[in-house]
Amino acid sequence: MKKITNLTLILISMLSVSCVQTDDFDIPKIEIEILNIVSTTSIKALKNALDQSGEKMYTFKGNESSIIEGFVISSDEAGNFYKTLIIQDNFENPTTGIEIMIDQKALFTKYHFGRKLFVKIAGLSIMNDEGKYKLGYLLKDKVGVIPSSMVDEFIIRSMETKEIIPKKIDIDEFSDSQIGTYIQIENIQFKKDEIGRTYAGEPFDEFNGERIIEQCSSQWNAILSTSTYSDFKSNLISDKTGMISAVLTKDFYGEEFVLLLNDPSGIELLNSERCDPEYLTCEGNLESDQNILFYEDFDMMKNAKDLEEMGWLNHNLNFGNGKFKKRSKNGNVYMQISAYNSEEDFMEVWLITPEINLDKSSDEVLTFKTRSSFETGTILTVWVSNNFDENIKDATWIQLDINISKGSKGSENTEFISSGKVSLDCLQGSVHIAFKYQGSDPNKTTTYDIDHVLVLGN
């Protein structure tokens, strides 16, 4: 009976407690504190601080109170970015961007695409790495990644996320000021010889796969770079045309502008109509025993004016001053063209051979040598016409599918390379070969040297 009595008392006590009025008790509220943070400086101002210092790196003092804001435009979810976060100064119409180096992976889980961030710059350092401005933590005498344990001291997430609207530009409008921004290029396709390859899964792709895209409206080229560690490295290159949305930056050596995809959804190629040039296609024998029909090595020239007496035409179609010029080195004479310091927004120059008669020969082929320096894109093409008569625009020109030298952007190339052979066998009568240079100062200024122009035939 005692055990039953104790149990009864316990039950009565529990019932008594359950009957207590709860009107005096409120449900706890979970409040999220939204920090009242505002930016006090800009990404551009950080870059200016480094440039004005004249040093390779610049460290912001520990008592510096400046804060920048920016929107995340990179994502490492698909593996194409590694321990880096790129932010730009606005979610639309950005003017500049910067790379933040962080010793963490899977940054997308915390700093997703479009998230607005605030960055306290006190104690951080900035450097210009081959055209790419990077913000990080000074370790000894080098700007490195921000240690993972210190990230929250510098980077603060806003509650705001915006839809990033890519800035629409053309390839020939690329500039250093746009590095680190999210852009969109319309009417593009991969070059014909890239079709069927993977993005970065070929045997020759060591760290990154670099694939050439071209814009149909202008035929300007750009490089799409994909990490060999990305999830989509084995995706096949499409043969269609469309548009690409990506981060604009530069390659490891700072020599070329490159585009970086966050993931494959950034490239939309849906149009089956390509815009490949119509190249001359002849079926002649390229390896038969051949005689020289035309040859020019320019060694007899004293100056560029001698070209006219030799039957060549050297003409700037826009009536600018830029033309092919005679140059020589180590006793070798060649013709050189560059838009560098020409102050010409669009420079189109044609170097056209004298008349070459093909009526008394067969299996004709063209070959020559080129050398490219200070590369900013392939802006030299080669054409042939069998009805040219003084006026370039009135003639019918057919482009030749032939190899043009590619060089280093930051230095002078020392070696000429062969164009290979292209057949002219399907042409009759007298023809002219034209070297067409399309440059633009200061964006497209590749320097080309041309030598040993040779036409052979049986």
Protein backbone atom coordinates (compact mmCIF):
# COMPACT_ATOMS: atom_id res chain seq x y z
CA MET A 1 0.00 0.00 0.00
CA LYS A 2 2.91 2.35 0.69
CA LYS A 3 4.28 1.98 -2.88
CA ILE A 4 0.86 2.71 -4.35
CA THR A 5 0.47 5.78 -2.13
CA ASN A 6 3.85 7.20 -3.25
CA LEU A 7 3.01 6.70 -6.92
CA THR A 8 -0.35 8.43 -6.38
CA LEU A 9 1.35 11.42 -4.81
CA ILE A 10 3.78 11.69 -7.73
CA LEU A 11 0.92 11.63 -10.25
CA ILE A 12 -0.99 14.28 -8.28
CA SER A 13 2.10 16.49 -8.23
CA MET A 14 2.55 16.15 -12.01
CA LEU A 15 -1.10 17.01 -12.61
CA SER A 16 -0.79 20.03 -10.35
CA VAL A 17 2.16 21.33 -12.30
CA SER A 18 0.38 20.82 -15.65
CA CYS A 19 -2.53 22.95 -14.41
CA VAL A 20 -0.40 26.00 -13.68
CA GLN A 21 -1.37 28.97 -15.88
CA THR A 22 1.30 29.66 -18.55
CA ASP A 23 0.06 33.08 -19.58
CA ASP A 24 3.00 34.67 -17.80
CA PHE A 25 5.58 32.75 -19.90
CA ASP A 26 6.59 33.76 -23.50
CA ILE A 27 8.11 31.47 -26.14
CA PRO A 28 11.79 32.42 -26.53
CA LYS A 29 12.46 34.44 -29.66
CA ILE A 30 15.50 33.76 -31.88
CA GLU A 31 16.79 37.03 -33.21
CA ILE A 32 19.41 37.43 -35.97
CA GLU A 33 21.53 40.46 -35.44
CA ILE A 34 22.06 42.28 -38.74
CA LEU A 35 25.29 44.18 -38.41
CA ASN A 36 25.17 47.78 -39.49
CA ILE A 37 28.29 47.73 -41.68
CA VAL A 38 28.98 50.13 -44.52
CA SER A 39 31.90 50.27 -46.89
CA THR A 40 34.27 53.19 -46.46
CA THR A 41 36.47 52.67 -49.51
CA SER A 42 36.45 50.76 -52.80
CA ILE A 43 38.25 47.94 -54.60
CA LYS A 44 39.62 50.48 -57.05
CA ALA A 45 41.05 52.52 -54.17
CA LEU A 46 42.93 49.46 -52.90
CA LYS A 47 44.49 48.98 -56.31
CA ASN A 48 45.41 52.66 -56.45
CA ALA A 49 47.12 52.39 -53.06
CA LEU A 50 49.39 49.66 -54.40
CA ASP A 51 50.09 51.46 -57.67
CA GLN A 52 50.91 54.72 -55.90
CA SER A 53 53.32 52.97 -53.53
CA GLY A 54 55.49 51.84 -56.41
CA GLU A 55 56.13 48.58 -54.53
CA LYS A 56 55.41 44.98 -55.48
CA MET A 57 53.08 44.64 -52.51
CA TYR A 58 51.33 46.92 -50.07
CA THR A 59 50.21 46.10 -46.52
CA PHE A 60 47.37 48.01 -44.90
CA LYS A 61 48.14 49.11 -41.35
CA GLY A 62 46.62 47.33 -38.37
CA ASN A 63 44.72 50.44 -37.31
CA GLU A 64 43.28 50.93 -40.80
CA SER A 65 39.50 51.27 -40.50
CA SER A 66 38.65 50.95 -44.20
CA ILE A 67 36.12 48.40 -45.41
CA ILE A 68 35.35 47.41 -48.98
CA GLU A 69 32.26 45.70 -50.30
CA GLY A 70 31.80 43.43 -53.27
CA PHE A 71 29.70 40.67 -54.79
CA VAL A 72 30.96 37.11 -55.19
CA ILE A 73 31.33 36.08 -58.87
CA SER A 74 33.38 32.90 -58.49
CA SER A 75 32.37 29.44 -57.33
CA ASP A 76 34.61 26.49 -56.54
CA GLU A 77 31.72 24.02 -56.47
CA ALA A 78 32.70 22.51 -59.84
CA GLY A 79 36.43 22.61 -59.08
CA ASN A 80 37.46 25.31 -61.56
CA PHE A 81 38.56 27.68 -58.77
CA TYR A 82 40.83 26.72 -55.89
CA LYS A 83 41.20 28.55 -52.57
CA THR A 84 40.27 31.82 -54.19
CA LEU A 85 37.28 34.12 -54.05
CA ILE A 86 36.69 36.77 -56.69
CA ILE A 87 34.48 39.74 -55.93
CA GLN A 88 33.48 42.69 -58.12
CA ASP A 89 32.34 46.15 -57.05
CA ASN A 90 28.71 45.84 -58.18
CA PHE A 91 26.24 43.14 -59.13
CA GLU A 92 25.70 44.84 -62.50
CA ASN A 93 27.87 47.10 -64.66
CA PRO A 94 30.99 46.40 -62.59
CA THR A 95 34.06 48.56 -63.09
CA THR A 96 36.65 46.37 -61.37
CA GLY A 97 37.19 43.27 -59.27
CA ILE A 98 39.74 41.64 -57.01
CA GLU A 99 40.84 38.15 -56.00
CA ILE A 100 40.90 37.18 -52.32
CA MET A 101 43.21 34.27 -51.45
CA ILE A 102 41.81 32.04 -48.68
CA ASP A 103 43.17 28.84 -47.18
CA GLN A 104 39.84 27.03 -47.40
CA LYS A 105 38.09 24.71 -49.82
CA ALA A 106 34.38 24.53 -50.65
CA LEU A 107 34.09 28.29 -50.36
CA PHE A 108 30.79 28.14 -52.26
CA THR A 109 29.06 26.74 -49.16
CA LYS A 110 29.66 29.98 -47.27
CA TYR A 111 30.30 32.57 -49.96
CA HIS A 112 27.95 31.63 -52.73
CA PHE A 113 27.60 33.29 -56.14
CA GLY A 114 25.95 36.70 -55.80
CA ARG A 115 26.51 37.08 -52.05
CA LYS A 116 27.47 40.57 -50.91
CA LEU A 117 30.57 40.66 -48.71
CA PHE A 118 32.34 43.22 -46.59
CA VAL A 119 36.11 42.95 -46.22
CA LYS A 120 38.05 44.62 -43.43
CA ILE A 121 41.40 45.42 -44.99
CA ALA A 122 43.42 46.24 -41.84
CA GLY A 123 46.28 43.75 -41.71
CA LEU A 124 45.77 42.46 -45.24
CA SER A 125 48.18 42.93 -48.13
CA ILE A 126 47.62 43.49 -51.85
CA MET A 127 49.82 42.60 -54.82
CA ASN A 128 49.65 42.74 -58.59
CA ASP A 129 50.35 39.24 -59.85
CA GLU A 130 50.88 39.55 -63.62
CA GLY A 131 47.91 41.86 -64.04
CA LYS A 132 45.72 40.17 -61.42
CA TYR A 133 45.26 42.13 -58.20
CA LYS A 134 45.20 39.79 -55.21
CA LEU A 135 44.32 40.41 -51.58
CA GLY A 136 45.82 38.12 -48.95
CA TYR A 137 47.85 37.77 -45.77
CA LEU A 138 51.53 38.71 -45.58
CA LEU A 139 53.67 35.72 -44.70
CA LYS A 140 57.32 36.75 -44.33
CA ASP A 141 57.94 38.70 -47.54
CA LYS A 142 55.16 37.19 -49.63
CA VAL A 143 51.43 37.76 -49.97
CA GLY A 144 49.78 34.41 -49.38
CA VAL A 145 46.42 32.93 -48.44
CA ILE A 146 44.45 34.19 -45.45
CA PRO A 147 44.67 31.41 -42.79
CA SER A 148 41.35 29.64 -42.31
CA SER A 149 41.35 30.50 -38.60
CA MET A 150 41.47 34.22 -39.44
CA VAL A 151 38.99 34.42 -42.30
CA ASP A 152 36.08 35.61 -40.14
CA GLU A 153 38.22 38.45 -38.82
CA PHE A 154 38.42 39.94 -42.31
CA ILE A 155 35.42 38.76 -44.33
CA ILE A 156 31.84 39.44 -43.22
CA ARG A 157 28.83 38.10 -45.05
CA SER A 158 25.98 40.46 -45.72
CA MET A 159 22.41 39.16 -45.59
CA GLU A 160 22.08 40.39 -49.17
CA THR A 161 22.35 38.21 -52.26
CA LYS A 162 21.93 39.65 -55.72
CA GLU A 163 21.48 38.19 -59.17
CA ILE A 164 24.77 38.85 -60.91
CA ILE A 165 24.09 40.43 -64.29
CA PRO A 166 27.08 39.77 -66.58
CA LYS A 167 28.46 42.76 -68.41
CA LYS A 168 28.10 42.30 -72.17
CA ILE A 169 31.28 43.10 -74.03
CA ASP A 170 33.10 42.00 -77.17
CA ILE A 171 36.45 40.24 -77.19
CA ASP A 172 38.22 43.23 -78.72
CA GLU A 173 37.07 45.33 -75.75
CA PHE A 174 38.98 43.31 -73.14
CA SER A 175 41.13 45.52 -70.90
CA ASP A 176 43.15 45.18 -67.70
CA SER A 177 40.60 47.24 -65.77
CA GLN A 178 37.97 44.52 -66.38
CA ILE A 179 40.04 41.71 -64.87
CA GLY A 180 38.10 40.11 -62.02
CA THR A 181 34.65 40.94 -63.39
CA TYR A 182 31.84 38.72 -64.65
CA ILE A 183 31.26 39.24 -68.36
CA GLN A 184 29.17 37.83 -71.18
CA ILE A 185 30.22 37.46 -74.82
CA GLU A 186 27.56 36.77 -77.41
CA ASN A 187 27.77 35.15 -80.84
CA ILE A 188 30.76 32.94 -80.06
CA GLN A 189 31.93 29.48 -81.06
CA PHE A 190 34.92 27.25 -80.47
CA LYS A 191 37.46 27.29 -83.28
CA LYS A 192 37.01 24.48 -85.73
CA ASP A 193 40.08 22.51 -84.64
CA GLU A 194 38.85 22.47 -81.02
CA ILE A 195 35.65 20.57 -81.83
CA GLY A 196 35.62 17.05 -80.42
CA ARG A 197 38.24 17.78 -77.78
CA THR A 198 37.46 17.90 -74.08
CA TYR A 199 37.63 21.06 -72.00
CA ALA A 200 40.74 19.92 -70.14
CA GLY A 201 41.01 16.16 -70.47
CA GLU A 202 43.54 15.77 -73.29
CA PRO A 203 46.96 14.14 -72.74
CA PHE A 204 48.68 17.48 -73.35
CA ASP A 205 46.62 19.31 -70.67
CA GLU A 206 48.99 19.47 -67.71
CA PHE A 207 47.34 21.93 -65.31
CA ASN A 208 44.74 23.70 -67.43
CA GLY A 209 43.10 23.10 -70.75
CA GLU A 210 43.16 26.19 -72.96
CA ARG A 211 40.61 26.22 -75.77
CA ILE A 212 40.19 28.98 -78.34
CA ILE A 213 36.81 30.62 -78.84
CA GLU A 214 36.09 33.18 -81.54
CA GLN A 215 33.43 35.85 -81.90
CA CYS A 216 31.53 35.56 -85.16
CA SER A 217 30.94 39.29 -85.57
CA SER A 218 34.63 40.16 -85.61
CA GLN A 219 36.63 36.88 -85.72
CA TRP A 220 38.53 38.03 -82.59
CA ASN A 221 39.81 35.15 -80.46
CA ALA A 222 39.87 34.51 -76.71
CA ILE A 223 40.99 31.66 -74.46
CA LEU A 224 38.69 29.56 -72.29
CA SER A 225 40.80 28.06 -69.49
CA THR A 226 39.61 25.01 -67.54
CA SER A 227 41.36 23.32 -64.64
CA THR A 228 42.28 19.67 -65.03
CA TYR A 229 40.78 19.24 -61.53
CA SER A 230 37.36 20.54 -62.56
CA ASP A 231 34.32 18.28 -62.59
CA PHE A 232 33.62 19.08 -66.24
CA LYS A 233 37.13 18.68 -67.66
CA SER A 234 35.99 15.67 -69.74
CA ASN A 235 32.98 17.42 -71.29
CA LEU A 236 33.23 17.55 -75.07
CA ILE A 237 33.61 20.80 -76.99
CA SER A 238 30.44 21.70 -78.88
CA ASP A 239 30.33 22.61 -82.57
CA LYS A 240 27.46 25.07 -82.05
CA THR A 241 27.40 28.84 -81.52
CA GLY A 242 25.95 30.88 -78.67
CA MET A 243 27.22 32.85 -75.68
CA ILE A 244 29.48 32.49 -72.68
CA SER A 245 29.28 34.04 -69.19
CA ALA A 246 32.50 33.79 -67.23
CA VAL A 247 35.08 35.54 -65.06
CA LEU A 248 37.63 37.54 -67.04
CA THR A 249 41.20 37.19 -65.80
CA LYS A 250 44.69 36.47 -67.14
CA ASP A 251 46.72 33.31 -67.50
CA PHE A 252 49.47 32.21 -65.11
CA TYR A 253 52.11 34.26 -66.93
CA GLY A 254 49.93 37.35 -67.31
CA GLU A 255 50.32 37.18 -71.08
CA GLU A 256 46.80 36.41 -72.26
CA PHE A 257 43.27 37.27 -71.22
CA VAL A 258 41.44 34.09 -70.26
CA LEU A 259 37.86 33.22 -69.33
CA LEU A 260 37.05 30.99 -66.34
CA LEU A 261 33.72 29.19 -66.07
CA ASN A 262 32.15 28.56 -62.68
CA ASP A 263 30.47 25.50 -64.16
CA PRO A 264 29.29 24.31 -67.61
CA SER A 265 26.02 26.25 -67.35
CA GLY A 266 28.03 29.39 -68.08
CA ILE A 267 28.36 28.43 -71.72
CA GLU A 268 25.22 28.18 -73.86
CA LEU A 269 25.81 26.94 -77.39
CA LEU A 270 22.45 26.17 -78.99
CA ASN A 271 22.66 27.50 -82.54
CA SER A 272 23.76 24.90 -85.08
CA GLU A 273 24.78 27.50 -87.69
CA ARG A 274 28.51 28.15 -87.40
CA CYS A 275 30.39 31.16 -88.73
CA ASP A 276 33.61 29.54 -89.94
CA PRO A 277 35.51 31.39 -92.64
CA GLU A 278 35.20 29.91 -96.11
CA TYR A 279 38.71 28.71 -96.78
CA LEU A 280 40.10 27.87 -100.19
CA THR A 281 40.02 24.09 -100.63
CA CYS A 282 42.16 22.66 -103.43
CA GLU A 283 43.07 19.00 -103.87
CA GLY A 284 46.55 19.44 -105.37
CA ASN A 285 49.57 17.33 -104.51
CA LEU A 286 51.54 19.06 -101.76
CA GLU A 287 54.56 16.77 -101.90
CA SER A 288 55.38 16.49 -105.64
CA ASP A 289 58.66 17.73 -107.17
CA GLN A 290 58.08 21.42 -107.68
CA ASN A 291 59.72 24.42 -109.30
CA ILE A 292 59.85 27.95 -107.95
CA LEU A 293 57.11 30.14 -109.47
CA PHE A 294 57.57 33.05 -107.06
CA TYR A 295 59.97 33.80 -104.23
CA GLU A 296 60.67 36.83 -102.07
CA ASP A 297 63.00 37.04 -99.08
CA PHE A 298 63.20 40.88 -99.08
CA ASP A 299 67.00 40.77 -98.81
CA MET A 300 67.48 43.14 -101.76
CA MET A 301 65.35 45.87 -100.20
CA LYS A 302 66.93 49.07 -98.92
CA ASN A 303 63.67 50.52 -97.54
CA ALA A 304 59.93 49.85 -97.60
CA LYS A 305 59.48 52.03 -100.69
CA ASP A 306 61.39 49.45 -102.70
CA LEU A 307 58.32 47.20 -102.36
CA GLU A 308 56.43 49.28 -104.95
CA GLU A 309 59.22 48.87 -107.51
CA MET A 310 59.14 45.14 -106.82
CA GLY A 311 55.41 45.07 -107.60
CA TRP A 312 54.10 44.75 -104.03
CA LEU A 313 51.26 46.81 -102.54
CA ASN A 314 51.55 48.02 -98.92
CA HIS A 315 48.28 49.76 -98.10
CA ASN A 316 46.50 50.95 -94.94
CA LEU A 317 42.83 50.61 -95.82
CA ASN A 318 41.82 53.24 -93.25
CA PHE A 319 44.45 55.71 -94.50
CA GLY A 320 46.41 55.58 -91.25
CA ASN A 321 50.19 55.73 -90.99
CA GLY A 322 50.65 52.13 -89.91
CA LYS A 323 52.12 49.90 -92.63
CA PHE A 324 54.49 46.98 -93.09
CA LYS A 325 58.07 48.14 -92.55
CA LYS A 326 61.47 46.80 -93.55
CA ARG A 327 63.40 45.34 -90.65
CA SER A 328 66.64 43.40 -90.45
CA LYS A 329 68.48 41.40 -87.81
CA ASN A 330 71.68 39.38 -88.06
CA GLY A 331 71.80 40.10 -91.79
CA ASN A 332 68.26 38.82 -92.43
CA VAL A 333 65.70 41.23 -93.93
CA TYR A 334 61.97 40.82 -93.37
CA MET A 335 58.72 42.81 -93.29
CA GLN A 336 57.23 43.82 -89.94
CA ILE A 337 53.81 45.14 -88.85
CA SER A 338 52.46 46.23 -85.44
CA ALA A 339 49.67 48.46 -84.18
CA TYR A 340 51.66 49.27 -81.03
CA ASN A 341 51.78 53.03 -80.41
CA SER A 342 50.03 53.62 -83.74
CA GLU A 343 47.17 55.49 -82.02
CA GLU A 344 44.86 53.83 -84.56
CA ASP A 345 41.61 52.46 -83.11
CA PHE A 346 41.25 50.12 -86.05
CA MET A 347 44.23 49.43 -88.27
CA GLU A 348 43.73 47.32 -91.39
CA VAL A 349 46.83 46.94 -93.54
CA TRP A 350 47.24 44.76 -96.63
CA LEU A 351 50.58 43.53 -97.96
CA ILE A 352 49.92 42.11 -101.43
CA THR A 353 52.35 40.23 -103.67
CA PRO A 354 52.98 41.01 -107.31
CA GLU A 355 51.04 39.01 -109.90
CA ILE A 356 51.79 35.27 -109.89
CA ASN A 357 50.86 33.36 -113.07
CA LEU A 358 49.55 29.82 -112.56
CA ASP A 359 48.57 29.04 -116.18
CA LYS A 360 51.74 27.14 -117.05
CA SER A 361 51.98 24.99 -113.92
CA SER A 362 50.05 22.53 -111.77
CA ASP A 363 50.01 21.38 -108.14
CA GLU A 364 50.92 24.90 -107.00
CA VAL A 365 51.47 25.46 -103.28
CA LEU A 366 52.12 28.49 -101.11
CA THR A 367 54.43 28.56 -98.11
CA PHE A 368 56.05 31.33 -96.05
CA LYS A 369 57.45 32.06 -92.59
CA THR A 370 56.09 34.24 -89.79
CA ARG A 371 57.28 35.31 -86.38
CA SER A 372 54.95 36.68 -83.70
CA SER A 373 56.03 38.82 -80.74
CA PHE A 374 54.22 40.61 -77.90
CA GLU A 375 51.17 38.49 -78.63
CA THR A 376 47.71 39.94 -78.00
CA GLY A 377 45.77 37.60 -80.28
CA THR A 378 46.02 36.25 -83.81
CA ILE A 379 45.32 39.27 -86.02
CA LEU A 380 47.12 38.27 -89.22
CA THR A 381 45.30 36.34 -91.95
CA VAL A 382 46.29 35.30 -95.48
CA TRP A 383 44.14 35.62 -98.61
CA VAL A 384 44.27 34.94 -102.34
CA SER A 385 42.51 36.61 -105.28
CA ASN A 386 42.49 35.96 -109.02
CA ASN A 387 40.74 39.22 -109.95
CA PHE A 388 42.64 41.85 -107.95
CA ASP A 389 43.43 45.00 -109.91
CA GLU A 390 44.60 47.91 -107.72
CA ASN A 391 41.38 48.25 -105.66
CA ILE A 392 41.35 45.89 -102.67
CA LYS A 393 37.64 46.25 -101.95
CA ASP A 394 36.58 45.49 -105.53
CA ALA A 395 38.47 42.17 -105.63
CA THR A 396 37.18 38.77 -104.53
CA TRP A 397 39.37 37.41 -101.76
CA ILE A 398 39.37 33.84 -100.41
CA GLN A 399 40.99 33.11 -97.05
CA LEU A 400 43.70 30.46 -96.79
CA ASP A 401 43.75 27.92 -93.97
CA ILE A 402 47.40 28.19 -93.01
CA ASN A 403 49.56 28.29 -89.88
CA ILE A 404 50.43 31.68 -88.35
CA SER A 405 53.05 32.04 -85.60
CA LYS A 406 51.95 32.53 -81.99
CA GLY A 407 54.37 34.18 -79.60
CA SER A 408 54.77 35.41 -76.05
CA LYS A 409 52.95 38.53 -74.97
CA GLY A 410 55.70 39.94 -72.81
CA SER A 411 58.71 39.36 -75.03
CA GLU A 412 60.11 39.23 -78.53
CA ASN A 413 60.04 35.91 -80.34
CA THR A 414 63.33 34.85 -81.92
CA GLU A 415 62.23 32.01 -84.20
CA PHE A 416 60.38 32.09 -87.50
CA ILE A 417 57.93 29.24 -88.01
CA SER A 418 56.76 27.71 -91.26
CA SER A 419 53.20 28.21 -92.44
CA GLY A 420 53.12 24.72 -93.88
CA LYS A 421 51.89 24.28 -97.42
CA VAL A 422 48.49 25.21 -98.81
CA SER A 423 47.37 24.15 -102.28
CA LEU A 424 46.53 26.73 -104.97
CA ASP A 425 45.99 24.04 -107.62
CA CYS A 426 42.32 24.86 -108.24
CA LEU A 427 43.10 28.46 -109.20
CA GLN A 428 43.83 29.62 -112.73
CA GLY A 429 45.33 32.67 -114.36
CA SER A 430 47.20 35.30 -112.37
CA VAL A 431 46.75 35.48 -108.61
CA HIS A 432 47.85 37.76 -105.78
CA ILE A 433 48.60 36.64 -102.22
CA ALA A 434 47.65 39.11 -99.46
CA PHE A 435 48.74 39.35 -95.82
CA LYS A 436 45.95 41.15 -93.95
CA TYR A 437 46.69 42.71 -90.56
CA GLN A 438 43.82 43.92 -88.35
CA GLY A 439 45.13 45.65 -85.25
CA SER A 440 43.91 48.13 -82.67
CA ASP A 441 45.97 50.30 -80.36
CA PRO A 442 46.23 49.58 -77.43
CA ASN A 443 44.22 46.32 -77.34
CA LYS A 444 45.34 44.28 -80.37
CA THR A 445 48.96 45.06 -81.15
CA THR A 446 50.65 41.74 -81.96
CA THR A 447 53.88 42.27 -83.90
CA TYR A 448 54.40 40.06 -86.96
CA ASP A 449 57.48 39.46 -89.09
CA ILE A 450 57.01 37.93 -92.57
CA ASP A 451 59.73 36.34 -94.67
CA HIS A 452 60.46 33.78 -97.39
CA VAL A 453 57.21 33.97 -99.34
CA LEU A 454 57.33 31.08 -101.80
CA VAL A 455 55.01 29.62 -104.47
CA LEU A 456 55.99 26.28 -105.98
CA GLY A 457 54.47 24.31 -108.86
CA ASN A 458 55.11 21.61 -111.43
